[in-house]
Protein backbone atom coordinates (compact mmCIF):
# COMPACT_ATOMS: atom_id res chain seq x y z
CA UNK A 1 -31.39 -178.75 -17.21
CA UNK A 2 -32.76 -182.24 -18.13
CA UNK A 3 -36.10 -183.08 -17.95
CA UNK A 4 -37.01 -179.58 -17.50
CA UNK A 5 -37.29 -176.54 -18.88
CA UNK A 6 -34.00 -173.79 -19.33
CA UNK A 7 -34.58 -171.01 -16.97
CA UNK A 8 -34.53 -167.62 -19.23
CA UNK A 9 -32.14 -165.39 -17.69
CA UNK A 10 -33.06 -161.62 -16.91
CA UNK A 11 -32.64 -158.50 -19.18
CA UNK A 12 -30.48 -155.80 -17.38
CA UNK A 13 -30.24 -152.60 -18.49
CA UNK A 14 -28.60 -149.28 -17.33
CA UNK A 15 -30.99 -146.23 -16.93
CA UNK A 16 -30.69 -144.15 -19.79
CA UNK A 17 -31.44 -140.77 -21.97
CA UNK A 18 -34.19 -141.78 -24.18
CA UNK A 19 -32.45 -144.94 -24.83
CA UNK A 20 -31.80 -146.46 -28.27
CA UNK A 21 -33.83 -148.61 -30.56
CA UNK A 22 -32.17 -151.49 -29.37
CA UNK A 23 -32.31 -150.58 -25.99
CA UNK A 24 -36.34 -150.57 -26.23
CA UNK A 25 -37.31 -153.53 -28.63
CA UNK A 26 -35.32 -155.88 -25.67
CA UNK A 27 -37.38 -154.07 -22.81
CA UNK A 28 -40.57 -154.46 -24.49
CA UNK A 29 -39.76 -157.76 -25.44
CA UNK A 30 -38.05 -159.56 -22.22
CA UNK A 31 -39.82 -161.77 -19.88
CA UNK A 32 -38.17 -160.32 -17.37
CA UNK A 33 -36.43 -156.63 -16.80
CA UNK A 34 -34.92 -155.15 -14.12
CA UNK A 35 -33.30 -151.54 -14.81
CA UNK A 36 -29.89 -151.07 -12.39
CA UNK A 37 -30.01 -147.77 -10.56
CA UNK A 38 -27.10 -148.75 -8.32
CA UNK A 39 -24.58 -149.54 -10.91
CA UNK A 40 -21.36 -147.52 -11.17
CA UNK A 41 -21.68 -144.67 -13.63
CA UNK A 42 -19.96 -144.81 -16.57
CA UNK A 43 -19.17 -141.92 -18.88
CA UNK A 44 -20.18 -140.99 -22.25
CA UNK A 45 -22.70 -143.63 -22.54
CA UNK A 46 -26.46 -144.04 -22.99
CA UNK A 47 -27.18 -143.20 -19.16
CA UNK A 48 -26.89 -139.34 -20.17
CA UNK A 49 -26.44 -139.15 -24.41
CA UNK A 50 -28.98 -140.01 -27.19
CA UNK A 51 -28.36 -139.88 -30.88
CA UNK A 52 -30.76 -137.97 -33.43
CA UNK A 53 -30.83 -137.25 -37.04
CA UNK A 54 -30.10 -133.79 -37.92
CA UNK A 55 -30.26 -131.94 -40.91
CA UNK A 56 -25.86 -131.95 -40.62
CA UNK A 57 -26.10 -135.92 -39.78
CA UNK A 58 -26.28 -137.23 -36.33
CA UNK A 59 -26.19 -135.19 -33.06
CA UNK A 60 -25.36 -136.29 -29.83
CA UNK A 61 -27.57 -134.78 -27.24
CA UNK A 62 -25.89 -135.42 -23.78
CA UNK A 63 -27.04 -134.13 -20.07
CA UNK A 64 -24.23 -132.27 -18.30
CA UNK A 65 -23.50 -134.01 -14.45
CA UNK A 66 -21.98 -132.68 -11.54
CA UNK A 67 -18.80 -134.42 -10.43
CA UNK A 68 -19.40 -137.44 -12.79
CA UNK A 69 -15.70 -138.08 -13.07
CA UNK A 70 -15.37 -139.67 -9.68
CA UNK A 71 -15.01 -143.46 -9.63
CA UNK A 72 -17.29 -145.56 -8.79
CA UNK A 73 -20.18 -143.04 -8.12
CA UNK A 74 -23.52 -144.82 -8.11
CA UNK A 75 -25.86 -143.76 -10.93
CA UNK A 76 -28.36 -143.26 -8.68
CA UNK A 77 -25.97 -140.78 -6.78
CA UNK A 78 -25.55 -138.49 -9.99
CA UNK A 79 -26.76 -135.19 -10.50
CA UNK A 80 -27.68 -132.65 -13.38
CA UNK A 81 -25.73 -129.85 -13.90
CA UNK A 82 -28.00 -126.72 -14.33
CA UNK A 83 -25.29 -124.20 -14.88
CA UNK A 84 -25.65 -124.60 -18.70
CA UNK A 85 -28.91 -124.20 -20.87
CA UNK A 86 -28.44 -127.30 -21.83
CA UNK A 87 -32.42 -127.83 -21.80
CA UNK A 88 -33.11 -124.99 -24.34
CA UNK A 89 -30.35 -126.64 -26.68
CA UNK A 90 -31.17 -130.21 -26.83
CA UNK A 91 -35.11 -128.75 -27.01
CA UNK A 92 -34.00 -126.88 -30.16
CA UNK A 93 -31.90 -129.49 -31.26
CA UNK A 94 -35.26 -131.67 -31.36
CA UNK A 95 -37.47 -129.24 -33.01
CA UNK A 96 -35.19 -128.30 -35.77
CA UNK A 97 -34.89 -131.87 -36.42
CA UNK A 98 -38.56 -132.90 -35.97
CA UNK A 99 -40.76 -130.27 -36.30
CA UNK A 100 -41.75 -131.72 -39.97
CA UNK A 101 -42.01 -135.55 -38.97
CA UNK A 102 -45.58 -136.98 -38.97
CA UNK A 103 -45.84 -137.49 -35.76
CA UNK A 104 -44.28 -134.53 -33.94
CA UNK A 105 -47.37 -133.02 -32.20
CA UNK A 106 -48.13 -136.13 -30.65
CA UNK A 107 -44.80 -136.32 -28.86
CA UNK A 108 -44.02 -133.02 -28.88
CA UNK A 109 -47.02 -131.73 -25.81
CA UNK A 110 -45.62 -135.06 -24.12
CA UNK A 111 -41.70 -134.24 -23.75
CA UNK A 112 -41.45 -130.75 -23.89
CA UNK A 113 -41.97 -130.46 -19.56
CA UNK A 114 -38.74 -132.41 -19.63
CA UNK A 115 -37.15 -129.78 -21.39
CA UNK A 116 -38.70 -126.91 -18.99
CA UNK A 117 -38.67 -127.63 -15.39
CA UNK A 118 -35.75 -129.41 -13.59
CA UNK A 119 -34.77 -132.79 -11.72
CA UNK A 120 -32.39 -132.69 -9.37
CA UNK A 121 -31.08 -136.30 -10.29
CA UNK A 122 -30.22 -138.07 -13.72
CA UNK A 123 -31.90 -141.39 -12.41
CA UNK A 124 -35.12 -139.77 -11.74
CA UNK A 125 -34.97 -137.86 -15.02
CA UNK A 126 -34.23 -140.58 -17.15
CA UNK A 127 -37.04 -143.24 -15.49
CA UNK A 128 -39.70 -140.15 -15.47
CA UNK A 129 -39.09 -139.33 -19.34
CA UNK A 130 -39.33 -143.53 -19.59
CA UNK A 131 -42.81 -143.62 -18.02
CA UNK A 132 -44.00 -140.84 -20.30
CA UNK A 133 -42.89 -142.64 -23.36
CA UNK A 134 -44.49 -145.90 -22.05
CA UNK A 135 -47.90 -143.98 -21.35
CA UNK A 136 -47.70 -141.97 -24.45
CA UNK A 137 -47.38 -145.60 -26.57
CA UNK A 138 -49.71 -147.52 -24.37
CA UNK A 139 -46.72 -149.87 -23.28
CA UNK A 140 -47.83 -152.03 -20.15
CA UNK A 141 -44.42 -153.25 -19.46
CA UNK A 142 -43.11 -152.29 -15.88
CA UNK A 143 -39.50 -153.16 -15.63
CA UNK A 144 -38.29 -153.85 -11.67
CA UNK A 145 -36.29 -151.03 -10.95
CA UNK A 146 -33.16 -152.51 -8.41
CA UNK A 147 -33.03 -151.67 -4.78
CA UNK A 148 -28.79 -152.63 -4.87
CA UNK A 149 -26.08 -153.43 -7.54
CA UNK A 150 -27.22 -156.23 -9.40
CA UNK A 151 -24.96 -159.22 -10.00
CA UNK A 152 -25.90 -161.00 -13.05
CA UNK A 153 -25.80 -164.44 -13.44
CA UNK A 154 -24.46 -166.87 -16.27
CA UNK A 155 -28.19 -166.78 -17.93
CA UNK A 156 -28.45 -163.35 -17.38
CA UNK A 157 -28.61 -160.88 -20.78
CA UNK A 158 -26.48 -158.21 -19.41
CA UNK A 159 -26.53 -154.49 -21.42
CA UNK A 160 -25.10 -152.42 -18.59
CA UNK A 161 -21.32 -152.50 -19.92
CA UNK A 162 -20.45 -149.36 -22.24
CA UNK A 163 -19.03 -151.28 -25.20
CA UNK A 164 -20.58 -154.86 -25.96
CA UNK A 165 -21.27 -157.16 -28.56
CA UNK A 166 -24.56 -157.10 -29.96
CA UNK A 167 -26.68 -158.98 -33.14
CA UNK A 168 -29.43 -156.33 -33.28
CA UNK A 169 -30.64 -155.15 -36.54
CA UNK A 170 -32.48 -151.63 -36.57
CA UNK A 171 -35.52 -152.25 -39.16
CA UNK A 172 -35.36 -149.10 -41.67
CA UNK A 173 -37.90 -146.75 -41.16
CA UNK A 174 -38.51 -143.26 -42.56
CA UNK A 175 -35.79 -140.94 -41.13
CA UNK A 176 -35.76 -137.38 -41.27
CA UNK A 177 -33.70 -136.05 -44.51
CA UNK A 178 -33.51 -139.25 -45.87
CA UNK A 179 -33.63 -137.29 -49.37
CA UNK A 180 -30.30 -136.97 -48.78
CA UNK A 181 -28.67 -139.15 -45.93
CA UNK A 182 -28.27 -143.01 -45.95
CA UNK A 183 -30.35 -144.94 -43.13
CA UNK A 184 -28.33 -144.75 -39.60
CA UNK A 185 -29.20 -147.48 -37.36
CA UNK A 186 -29.99 -147.64 -33.85
CA UNK A 187 -30.70 -144.05 -32.97
CA UNK A 188 -32.42 -142.57 -29.95
CA UNK A 189 -35.75 -144.10 -29.61
CA UNK A 190 -37.22 -140.75 -30.14
CA UNK A 191 -36.02 -140.91 -33.89
CA UNK A 192 -37.98 -143.78 -34.36
CA UNK A 193 -41.48 -142.53 -32.25
CA UNK A 194 -41.34 -139.03 -34.69
CA UNK A 195 -41.47 -141.53 -37.43
CA UNK A 196 -43.87 -144.74 -36.38
CA UNK A 197 -45.79 -142.85 -33.55
CA UNK A 198 -48.32 -145.16 -31.51
CA UNK A 199 -47.24 -148.28 -33.55
CA UNK A 200 -43.51 -147.62 -32.25
CA UNK A 201 -43.88 -150.24 -29.62
CA UNK A 202 -45.05 -153.01 -32.28
CA UNK A 203 -42.87 -152.02 -34.46
CA UNK A 204 -39.88 -152.85 -32.27
CA UNK A 205 -40.92 -155.92 -30.55
CA UNK A 206 -41.16 -157.06 -34.60
CA UNK A 207 -37.39 -156.23 -34.93
CA UNK A 208 -36.32 -158.81 -32.49
């Protein structure tokens, strides 16, 4: 805008099961961030799945859902399916992958309850997990939570679509099994935390 300061757009994010490195890097550095609780649920996305590094390579952990195939379902209405022992499988995979990581003991105490008790809705589970991570890492960021579907403007950075172009480059850090596997970028933020511990927030801020 001539003679003035251009408006910086909002960062619009979906809810995320853990969230990947880029998700948290952008969340931590955004001047204004809103998490859309009322967008339409997208299958096989960051909303209910995350990727971790294991001895066998990258593993996707997916939270099973009830009736998530219905089109145009608001993510705030999507319920978690507990008919299978997915929490046990996820926790076993996390233990196997990260038990020897330098910050495992710090992280495990905080996150184990998310694999013991039940949450009815995916959005509540994702947001409470995120809040727990913020508290553990000493992060003061408090993203706004939408009360309705967020309509993006031309200035906004909208990271809700399932597939999006991105210029984000994950800085390398020590990953589990790096003695036998090449570095894999943009895995779950859990992977970063197990390596960087309480320095994760500063590490991810610096990556942008």
